[in-house]
Amino acid sequence: FWIQIWLWERPGGPREEKMNGKRAGNVNDAH
């Protein structure tokens, strides 16, 4: 699966990209 994760520290942003990459596994592993 490919996963992108952003972190919002406060309402209205900005959001910070924390992860953008491919990982082994299925949907349960992603969750």
PDB file of all heavy atoms in Angstrom:
ATOM      1  N   PHE A   1       0.845  -1.193   0.000  1.00  0.00           N
ATOM      2  CA  PHE A   1       0.000   0.000   0.000  1.00  0.00           C
ATOM      3  C   PHE A   1       0.878   1.238   0.000  1.00  0.00           C
ATOM      4  O   PHE A   1       2.014   1.218   0.469  1.00  0.00           O
ATOM      5  CB  PHE A   1      -0.981   0.015   1.183  1.00  0.00           C
ATOM      6  CG  PHE A   1      -0.342  -0.027   2.546  1.00  0.00           C
ATOM      7  CD1 PHE A   1      -0.010   1.149   3.222  1.00  0.00           C
ATOM      8  CD2 PHE A   1      -0.075  -1.236   3.177  1.00  0.00           C
ATOM      9  CE1 PHE A   1       0.560   1.108   4.480  1.00  0.00           C
ATOM     10  CE2 PHE A   1       0.492  -1.284   4.434  1.00  0.00           C
ATOM     11  CZ  PHE A   1       0.812  -0.096   5.089  1.00  0.00           C
ATOM     12  N   TRP A   2       0.337   2.318  -0.573  1.00  0.00           N
ATOM     13  CA  TRP A   2       0.997   3.618  -0.556  1.00  0.00           C
ATOM     14  C   TRP A   2       0.278   4.447   0.498  1.00  0.00           C
ATOM     15  O   TRP A   2      -0.950   4.484   0.531  1.00  0.00           O
ATOM     16  CB  TRP A   2       0.889   4.300  -1.918  1.00  0.00           C
ATOM     17  CG  TRP A   2       1.826   5.458  -2.016  1.00  0.00           C
ATOM     18  CD1 TRP A   2       1.612   6.729  -1.579  1.00  0.00           C
ATOM     19  CD2 TRP A   2       3.134   5.452  -2.558  1.00  0.00           C
ATOM     20  NE1 TRP A   2       2.699   7.509  -1.821  1.00  0.00           N
ATOM     21  CE2 TRP A   2       3.658   6.746  -2.420  1.00  0.00           C
ATOM     22  CE3 TRP A   2       3.921   4.464  -3.141  1.00  0.00           C
ATOM     23  CZ2 TRP A   2       4.929   7.078  -2.857  1.00  0.00           C
ATOM     24  CZ3 TRP A   2       5.182   4.814  -3.587  1.00  0.00           C
ATOM     25  CH2 TRP A   2       5.667   6.110  -3.434  1.00  0.00           C
ATOM     26  N   ILE A   3       1.035   5.088   1.365  1.00  0.00           N
ATOM     27  CA  ILE A   3       0.421   5.845   2.450  1.00  0.00           C
ATOM     28  C   ILE A   3       1.007   7.253   2.511  1.00  0.00           C
ATOM     29  O   ILE A   3       2.217   7.433   2.380  1.00  0.00           O
ATOM     30  CB  ILE A   3       0.568   5.097   3.798  1.00  0.00           C
ATOM     31  CG1 ILE A   3      -0.246   5.783   4.880  1.00  0.00           C
ATOM     32  CG2 ILE A   3       2.016   4.935   4.172  1.00  0.00           C
ATOM     33  CD1 ILE A   3      -0.449   4.935   6.122  1.00  0.00           C
ATOM     34  N   GLN A   4       0.126   8.222   2.626  1.00  0.00           N
ATOM     35  CA  GLN A   4       0.509   9.605   2.856  1.00  0.00           C
ATOM     36  C   GLN A   4      -0.140  10.045   4.159  1.00  0.00           C
ATOM     37  O   GLN A   4      -1.330   9.786   4.378  1.00  0.00           O
ATOM     38  CB  GLN A   4       0.021  10.515   1.733  1.00  0.00           C
ATOM     39  CG  GLN A   4       0.724  10.279   0.416  1.00  0.00           C
ATOM     40  CD  GLN A   4       0.131  11.138  -0.670  1.00  0.00           C
ATOM     41  OE1 GLN A   4      -0.918  10.805  -1.205  1.00  0.00           O
ATOM     42  NE2 GLN A   4       0.790  12.233  -0.982  1.00  0.00           N
ATOM     43  N   ILE A   5       0.640  10.685   5.017  1.00  0.00           N
ATOM     44  CA  ILE A   5       0.120  11.166   6.306  1.00  0.00           C
ATOM     45  C   ILE A   5       0.526  12.622   6.473  1.00  0.00           C
ATOM     46  O   ILE A   5       1.683  12.988   6.242  1.00  0.00           O
ATOM     47  CB  ILE A   5       0.686  10.342   7.484  1.00  0.00           C
ATOM     48  CG1 ILE A   5       0.341   8.861   7.337  1.00  0.00           C
ATOM     49  CG2 ILE A   5       0.157  10.891   8.813  1.00  0.00           C
ATOM     50  CD1 ILE A   5       1.011   7.975   8.376  1.00  0.00           C
ATOM     51  N   TRP A   6      -0.458  13.437   6.874  1.00  0.00           N
ATOM     52  CA  TRP A   6      -0.217  14.839   7.184  1.00  0.00           C
ATOM     53  C   TRP A   6      -0.612  15.100   8.630  1.00  0.00           C
ATOM     54  O   TRP A   6      -1.552  14.494   9.144  1.00  0.00           O
ATOM     55  CB  TRP A   6      -1.048  15.757   6.287  1.00  0.00           C
ATOM     56  CG  TRP A   6      -0.724  15.626   4.837  1.00  0.00           C
ATOM     57  CD1 TRP A   6       0.237  16.305   4.151  1.00  0.00           C
ATOM     58  CD2 TRP A   6      -1.365  14.787   3.877  1.00  0.00           C
ATOM     59  NE1 TRP A   6       0.235  15.928   2.833  1.00  0.00           N
ATOM     60  CE2 TRP A   6      -0.742  14.995   2.632  1.00  0.00           C
ATOM     61  CE3 TRP A   6      -2.409  13.855   3.954  1.00  0.00           C
ATOM     62  CZ2 TRP A   6      -1.124  14.329   1.479  1.00  0.00           C
ATOM     63  CZ3 TRP A   6      -2.789  13.194   2.804  1.00  0.00           C
ATOM     64  CH2 TRP A   6      -2.144  13.433   1.586  1.00  0.00           C
ATOM     65  N   LEU A   7       0.090  16.001   9.270  1.00  0.00           N
ATOM     66  CA  LEU A   7      -0.215  16.394  10.644  1.00  0.00           C
ATOM     67  C   LEU A   7      -0.717  17.831  10.648  1.00  0.00           C
ATOM     68  O   LEU A   7      -0.064  18.731  10.124  1.00  0.00           O
ATOM     69  CB  LEU A   7       1.034  16.277  11.515  1.00  0.00           C
ATOM     70  CG  LEU A   7       0.887  16.745  12.967  1.00  0.00           C
ATOM     71  CD1 LEU A   7      -0.100  15.861  13.725  1.00  0.00           C
ATOM     72  CD2 LEU A   7       2.237  16.768  13.654  1.00  0.00           C
ATOM     73  N   TRP A   8      -1.889  18.021  11.244  1.00  0.00           N
ATOM     74  CA  TRP A   8      -2.456  19.350  11.482  1.00  0.00           C
ATOM     75  C   TRP A   8      -2.251  19.658  12.958  1.00  0.00           C
ATOM     76  O   TRP A   8      -2.791  18.974  13.816  1.00  0.00           O
ATOM     77  CB  TRP A   8      -3.959  19.366  11.180  1.00  0.00           C
ATOM     78  CG  TRP A   8      -4.324  19.153   9.747  1.00  0.00           C
ATOM     79  CD1 TRP A   8      -4.403  17.959   9.092  1.00  0.00           C
ATOM     80  CD2 TRP A   8      -4.669  20.152   8.801  1.00  0.00           C
ATOM     81  NE1 TRP A   8      -4.782  18.160   7.789  1.00  0.00           N
ATOM     82  CE2 TRP A   8      -4.958  19.506   7.587  1.00  0.00           C
ATOM     83  CE3 TRP A   8      -4.772  21.546   8.856  1.00  0.00           C
ATOM     84  CZ2 TRP A   8      -5.331  20.189   6.440  1.00  0.00           C
ATOM     85  CZ3 TRP A   8      -5.147  22.215   7.719  1.00  0.00           C
ATOM     86  CH2 TRP A   8      -5.423  21.549   6.530  1.00  0.00           C
ATOM     87  N   GLU A   9      -1.461  20.664  13.263  1.00  0.00           N
ATOM     88  CA  GLU A   9      -1.212  21.044  14.659  1.00  0.00           C
ATOM     89  C   GLU A   9      -2.361  21.859  15.242  1.00  0.00           C
ATOM     90  O   GLU A   9      -2.627  21.791  16.439  1.00  0.00           O
ATOM     91  CB  GLU A   9       0.087  21.853  14.773  1.00  0.00           C
ATOM     92  CG  GLU A   9       1.338  21.038  14.526  1.00  0.00           C
ATOM     93  CD  GLU A   9       1.698  20.118  15.669  1.00  0.00           C
ATOM     94  OE1 GLU A   9       1.121  20.221  16.772  1.00  0.00           O
ATOM     95  OE2 GLU A   9       2.585  19.269  15.456  1.00  0.00           O
ATOM     96  N   ARG A  10      -3.024  22.642  14.370  1.00  0.00           N
ATOM     97  CA  ARG A  10      -4.094  23.531  14.841  1.00  0.00           C
ATOM     98  C   ARG A  10      -5.125  23.724  13.727  1.00  0.00           C
ATOM     99  O   ARG A  10      -4.821  23.479  12.557  1.00  0.00           O
ATOM    100  CB  ARG A  10      -3.524  24.870  15.280  1.00  0.00           C
ATOM    101  CG  ARG A  10      -2.853  25.636  14.192  1.00  0.00           C
ATOM    102  CD  ARG A  10      -2.201  26.926  14.714  1.00  0.00           C
ATOM    103  NE  ARG A  10      -1.626  27.681  13.633  1.00  0.00           N
ATOM    104  CZ  ARG A  10      -0.482  27.406  13.011  1.00  0.00           C
ATOM    105  NH1 ARG A  10       0.209  26.350  13.370  1.00  0.00           N
ATOM    106  NH2 ARG A  10      -0.041  28.159  12.041  1.00  0.00           N
ATOM    107  N   PRO A  11      -6.321  24.185  14.075  1.00  0.00           N
ATOM    108  CA  PRO A  11      -7.350  24.421  13.054  1.00  0.00           C
ATOM    109  C   PRO A  11      -6.856  25.415  12.003  1.00  0.00           C
ATOM    110  O   PRO A  11      -6.212  26.407  12.327  1.00  0.00           O
ATOM    111  CB  PRO A  11      -8.519  25.011  13.837  1.00  0.00           C
ATOM    112  CG  PRO A  11      -8.299  24.590  15.246  1.00  0.00           C
ATOM    113  CD  PRO A  11      -6.818  24.479  15.422  1.00  0.00           C
ATOM    114  N   GLY A  12      -7.152  25.133  10.760  1.00  0.00           N
ATOM    115  CA  GLY A  12      -6.800  26.034   9.678  1.00  0.00           C
ATOM    116  C   GLY A  12      -5.402  25.842   9.135  1.00  0.00           C
ATOM    117  O   GLY A  12      -4.977  26.548   8.232  1.00  0.00           O
ATOM    118  N   GLY A  13      -4.661  24.920   9.701  1.00  0.00           N
ATOM    119  CA  GLY A  13      -3.365  24.551   9.145  1.00  0.00           C
ATOM    120  C   GLY A  13      -2.240  25.470   9.531  1.00  0.00           C
ATOM    121  O   GLY A  13      -2.371  26.226  10.474  1.00  0.00           O
ATOM    122  N   PRO A  14      -1.139  25.358   8.868  1.00  0.00           N
ATOM    123  CA  PRO A  14      -0.906  24.500   7.710  1.00  0.00           C
ATOM    124  C   PRO A  14      -0.703  23.043   8.121  1.00  0.00           C
ATOM    125  O   PRO A  14      -0.414  22.767   9.273  1.00  0.00           O
ATOM    126  CB  PRO A  14       0.388  25.068   7.113  1.00  0.00           C
ATOM    127  CG  PRO A  14       1.135  25.586   8.293  1.00  0.00           C
ATOM    128  CD  PRO A  14       0.075  26.104   9.235  1.00  0.00           C
ATOM    129  N   ARG A  15      -0.865  22.152   7.160  1.00  0.00           N
ATOM    130  CA  ARG A  15      -0.601  20.744   7.449  1.00  0.00           C
ATOM    131  C   ARG A  15       0.834  20.440   7.050  1.00  0.00           C
ATOM    132  O   ARG A  15       1.382  21.009   6.112  1.00  0.00           O
ATOM    133  CB  ARG A  15      -1.595  19.831   6.741  1.00  0.00           C
ATOM    134  CG  ARG A  15      -1.433  19.784   5.240  1.00  0.00           C
ATOM    135  CD  ARG A  15      -2.449  18.862   4.606  1.00  0.00           C
ATOM    136  NE  ARG A  15      -2.178  18.752   3.171  1.00  0.00           N
ATOM    137  CZ  ARG A  15      -2.855  17.997   2.356  1.00  0.00           C
ATOM    138  NH1 ARG A  15      -3.871  17.282   2.806  1.00  0.00           N
ATOM    139  NH2 ARG A  15      -2.548  17.942   1.084  1.00  0.00           N
ATOM    140  N   GLU A  16       1.441  19.512   7.773  1.00  0.00           N
ATOM    141  CA  GLU A  16       2.824  19.121   7.521  1.00  0.00           C
ATOM    142  C   GLU A  16       2.850  17.664   7.063  1.00  0.00           C
ATOM    143  O   GLU A  16       2.313  16.788   7.755  1.00  0.00           O
ATOM    144  CB  GLU A  16       3.637  19.278   8.804  1.00  0.00           C
ATOM    145  CG  GLU A  16       5.073  18.886   8.670  1.00  0.00           C
ATOM    146  CD  GLU A  16       5.841  18.991   9.986  1.00  0.00           C
ATOM    147  OE1 GLU A  16       5.283  19.496  10.978  1.00  0.00           O
ATOM    148  OE2 GLU A  16       6.988  18.541  10.001  1.00  0.00           O
ATOM    149  N   GLU A  17       3.452  17.417   5.912  1.00  0.00           N
ATOM    150  CA  GLU A  17       3.552  16.034   5.430  1.00  0.00           C
ATOM    151  C   GLU A  17       4.563  15.277   6.284  1.00  0.00           C
ATOM    152  O   GLU A  17       5.702  15.693   6.442  1.00  0.00           O
ATOM    153  CB  GLU A  17       3.975  15.997   3.964  1.00  0.00           C
ATOM    154  CG  GLU A  17       3.942  14.578   3.410  1.00  0.00           C
ATOM    155  CD  GLU A  17       4.214  14.525   1.927  1.00  0.00           C
ATOM    156  OE1 GLU A  17       5.370  14.808   1.543  1.00  0.00           O
ATOM    157  OE2 GLU A  17       3.293  14.218   1.174  1.00  0.00           O
ATOM    158  N   LYS A  18       4.132  14.162   6.853  1.00  0.00           N
ATOM    159  CA  LYS A  18       4.972  13.357   7.725  1.00  0.00           C
ATOM    160  C   LYS A  18       5.402  12.049   7.073  1.00  0.00           C
ATOM    161  O   LYS A  18       6.402  11.477   7.467  1.00  0.00           O
ATOM    162  CB  LYS A  18       4.236  13.043   9.035  1.00  0.00           C
ATOM    163  CG  LYS A  18       3.856  14.270   9.827  1.00  0.00           C
ATOM    164  CD  LYS A  18       5.062  15.096  10.120  1.00  0.00           C
ATOM    165  CE  LYS A  18       5.321  15.225  11.575  1.00  0.00           C
ATOM    166  NZ  LYS A  18       6.537  16.000  11.851  1.00  0.00           N
ATOM    167  N   MET A  19       4.626  11.554   6.131  1.00  0.00           N
ATOM    168  CA  MET A  19       4.920  10.261   5.512  1.00  0.00           C
ATOM    169  C   MET A  19       4.387  10.285   4.086  1.00  0.00           C
ATOM    170  O   MET A  19       3.301  10.801   3.827  1.00  0.00           O
ATOM    171  CB  MET A  19       4.220   9.151   6.301  1.00  0.00           C
ATOM    172  CG  MET A  19       4.186   7.798   5.649  1.00  0.00           C
ATOM    173  SD  MET A  19       5.738   6.941   5.637  1.00  0.00           S
ATOM    174  CE  MET A  19       6.117   6.884   7.353  1.00  0.00           C
ATOM    175  N   ASN A  20       5.171   9.722   3.175  1.00  0.00           N
ATOM    176  CA  ASN A  20       4.735   9.559   1.791  1.00  0.00           C
ATOM    177  C   ASN A  20       5.551   8.412   1.216  1.00  0.00           C
ATOM    178  O   ASN A  20       6.665   8.610   0.744  1.00  0.00           O
ATOM    179  CB  ASN A  20       4.950  10.844   0.989  1.00  0.00           C
ATOM    180  CG  ASN A  20       4.368  10.757  -0.414  1.00  0.00           C
ATOM    181  OD1 ASN A  20       3.779   9.754  -0.791  1.00  0.00           O
ATOM    182  ND2 ASN A  20       4.551  11.808  -1.180  1.00  0.00           N
ATOM    183  N   GLY A  21       5.016   7.195   1.316  1.00  0.00           N
ATOM    184  CA  GLY A  21       5.788   6.065   0.839  1.00  0.00           C
ATOM    185  C   GLY A  21       5.017   4.769   0.759  1.00  0.00           C
ATOM    186  O   GLY A  21       3.887   4.664   1.214  1.00  0.00           O
ATOM    187  N   LYS A  22       5.679   3.795   0.187  1.00  0.00           N
ATOM    188  CA  LYS A  22       5.109   2.466  -0.034  1.00  0.00           C
ATOM    189  C   LYS A  22       5.497   1.551   1.113  1.00  0.00           C
ATOM    190  O   LYS A  22       6.625   1.592   1.598  1.00  0.00           O
ATOM    191  CB  LYS A  22       5.656   1.929  -1.354  1.00  0.00           C
ATOM    192  CG  LYS A  22       4.988   0.700  -1.882  1.00  0.00           C
ATOM    193  CD  LYS A  22       5.574   0.386  -3.252  1.00  0.00           C
ATOM    194  CE  LYS A  22       4.896  -0.779  -3.910  1.00  0.00           C
ATOM    195  NZ  LYS A  22       5.482  -1.062  -5.231  1.00  0.00           N
ATOM    196  N   ARG A  23       4.555   0.732   1.546  1.00  0.00           N
ATOM    197  CA  ARG A  23       4.778  -0.227   2.623  1.00  0.00           C
ATOM    198  C   ARG A  23       4.185  -1.577   2.219  1.00  0.00           C
ATOM    199  O   ARG A  23       3.220  -1.649   1.471  1.00  0.00           O
ATOM    200  CB  ARG A  23       4.082   0.226   3.918  1.00  0.00           C
ATOM    201  CG  ARG A  23       4.551   1.554   4.454  1.00  0.00           C
ATOM    202  CD  ARG A  23       5.896   1.360   5.144  1.00  0.00           C
ATOM    203  NE  ARG A  23       6.375   2.589   5.745  1.00  0.00           N
ATOM    204  CZ  ARG A  23       7.195   3.438   5.151  1.00  0.00           C
ATOM    205  NH1 ARG A  23       7.595   3.232   3.930  1.00  0.00           N
ATOM    206  NH2 ARG A  23       7.622   4.514   5.774  1.00  0.00           N
ATOM    207  N   ALA A  24       4.748  -2.640   2.760  1.00  0.00           N
ATOM    208  CA  ALA A  24       4.201  -3.981   2.541  1.00  0.00           C
ATOM    209  C   ALA A  24       3.013  -4.184   3.459  1.00  0.00           C
ATOM    210  O   ALA A  24       3.006  -3.715   4.589  1.00  0.00           O
ATOM    211  CB  ALA A  24       5.268  -5.034   2.818  1.00  0.00           C
ATOM    212  N   GLY A  25       1.988  -4.876   2.963  1.00  0.00           N
ATOM    213  CA  GLY A  25       0.845  -5.208   3.798  1.00  0.00           C
ATOM    214  C   GLY A  25      -0.480  -4.980   3.099  1.00  0.00           C
ATOM    215  O   GLY A  25      -0.546  -4.632   1.930  1.00  0.00           O
ATOM    216  N   ASN A  26      -1.534  -5.179   3.868  1.00  0.00           N
ATOM    217  CA  ASN A  26      -2.899  -5.037   3.353  1.00  0.00           C
ATOM    218  C   ASN A  26      -3.599  -3.868   4.053  1.00  0.00           C
ATOM    219  O   ASN A  26      -2.963  -3.108   4.784  1.00  0.00           O
ATOM    220  CB  ASN A  26      -3.666  -6.355   3.536  1.00  0.00           C
ATOM    221  CG  ASN A  26      -3.720  -6.787   4.977  1.00  0.00           C
ATOM    222  OD1 ASN A  26      -3.697  -5.974   5.909  1.00  0.00           O
ATOM    223  ND2 ASN A  26      -3.788  -8.098   5.205  1.00  0.00           N
ATOM    224  N   VAL A  27      -4.894  -3.761   3.863  1.00  0.00           N
ATOM    225  CA  VAL A  27      -5.638  -2.637   4.439  1.00  0.00           C
ATOM    226  C   VAL A  27      -5.599  -2.662   5.965  1.00  0.00           C
ATOM    227  O   VAL A  27      -5.506  -1.620   6.602  1.00  0.00           O
ATOM    228  CB  VAL A  27      -7.085  -2.597   3.894  1.00  0.00           C
ATOM    229  CG1 VAL A  27      -7.904  -3.775   4.383  1.00  0.00           C
ATOM    230  CG2 VAL A  27      -7.763  -1.296   4.238  1.00  0.00           C
ATOM    231  N   ASN A  28      -5.618  -3.841   6.563  1.00  0.00           N
ATOM    232  CA  ASN A  28      -5.530  -3.927   8.020  1.00  0.00           C
ATOM    233  C   ASN A  28      -4.174  -3.433   8.526  1.00  0.00           C
ATOM    234  O   ASN A  28      -4.101  -2.760   9.556  1.00  0.00           O
ATOM    235  CB  ASN A  28      -5.781  -5.359   8.497  1.00  0.00           C
ATOM    236  CG  ASN A  28      -7.202  -5.798   8.242  1.00  0.00           C
ATOM    237  OD1 ASN A  28      -8.126  -4.996   8.266  1.00  0.00           O
ATOM    238  ND2 ASN A  28      -7.376  -7.077   7.977  1.00  0.00           N
ATOM    239  N   ASP A  29      -3.118  -3.765   7.792  1.00  0.00           N
ATOM    240  CA  ASP A  29      -1.786  -3.282   8.154  1.00  0.00           C
ATOM    241  C   ASP A  29      -1.716  -1.754   8.055  1.00  0.00           C
ATOM    242  O   ASP A  29      -1.096  -1.101   8.895  1.00  0.00           O
ATOM    243  CB  ASP A  29      -0.718  -3.908   7.255  1.00  0.00           C
ATOM    244  CG  ASP A  29      -0.631  -5.415   7.404  1.00  0.00           C
ATOM    245  OD1 ASP A  29      -0.707  -5.903   8.551  1.00  0.00           O
ATOM    246  OD2 ASP A  29      -0.501  -6.103   6.377  1.00  0.00           O
ATOM    247  N   ALA A  30      -2.352  -1.198   7.044  1.00  0.00           N
ATOM    248  CA  ALA A  30      -2.367   0.261   6.879  1.00  0.00           C
ATOM    249  C   ALA A  30      -3.082   0.928   8.052  1.00  0.00           C
ATOM    250  O   ALA A  30      -2.595   1.925   8.603  1.00  0.00           O
ATOM    251  CB  ALA A  30      -3.041   0.636   5.565  1.00  0.00           C
ATOM    252  N   HIS A  31      -4.218   0.391   8.465  1.00  0.00           N
ATOM    253  CA  HIS A  31      -4.953   0.962   9.601  1.00  0.00           C
ATOM    254  C   HIS A  31      -4.152   0.824  10.898  1.00  0.00           C
ATOM    255  O   HIS A  31      -4.145   1.748  11.723  1.00  0.00           O
ATOM    256  CB  HIS A  31      -6.336   0.323   9.727  1.00  0.00           C
ATOM    257  CG  HIS A  31      -7.304   0.831   8.719  1.00  0.00           C
ATOM    258  ND1 HIS A  31      -7.926   2.049   8.836  1.00  0.00           N
ATOM    259  CD2 HIS A  31      -7.746   0.302   7.554  1.00  0.00           C
ATOM    260  CE1 HIS A  31      -8.702   2.245   7.794  1.00  0.00           C
ATOM    261  NE2 HIS A  31      -8.617   1.204   6.995  1.00  0.00           N
TER     262      HIS A  31
END
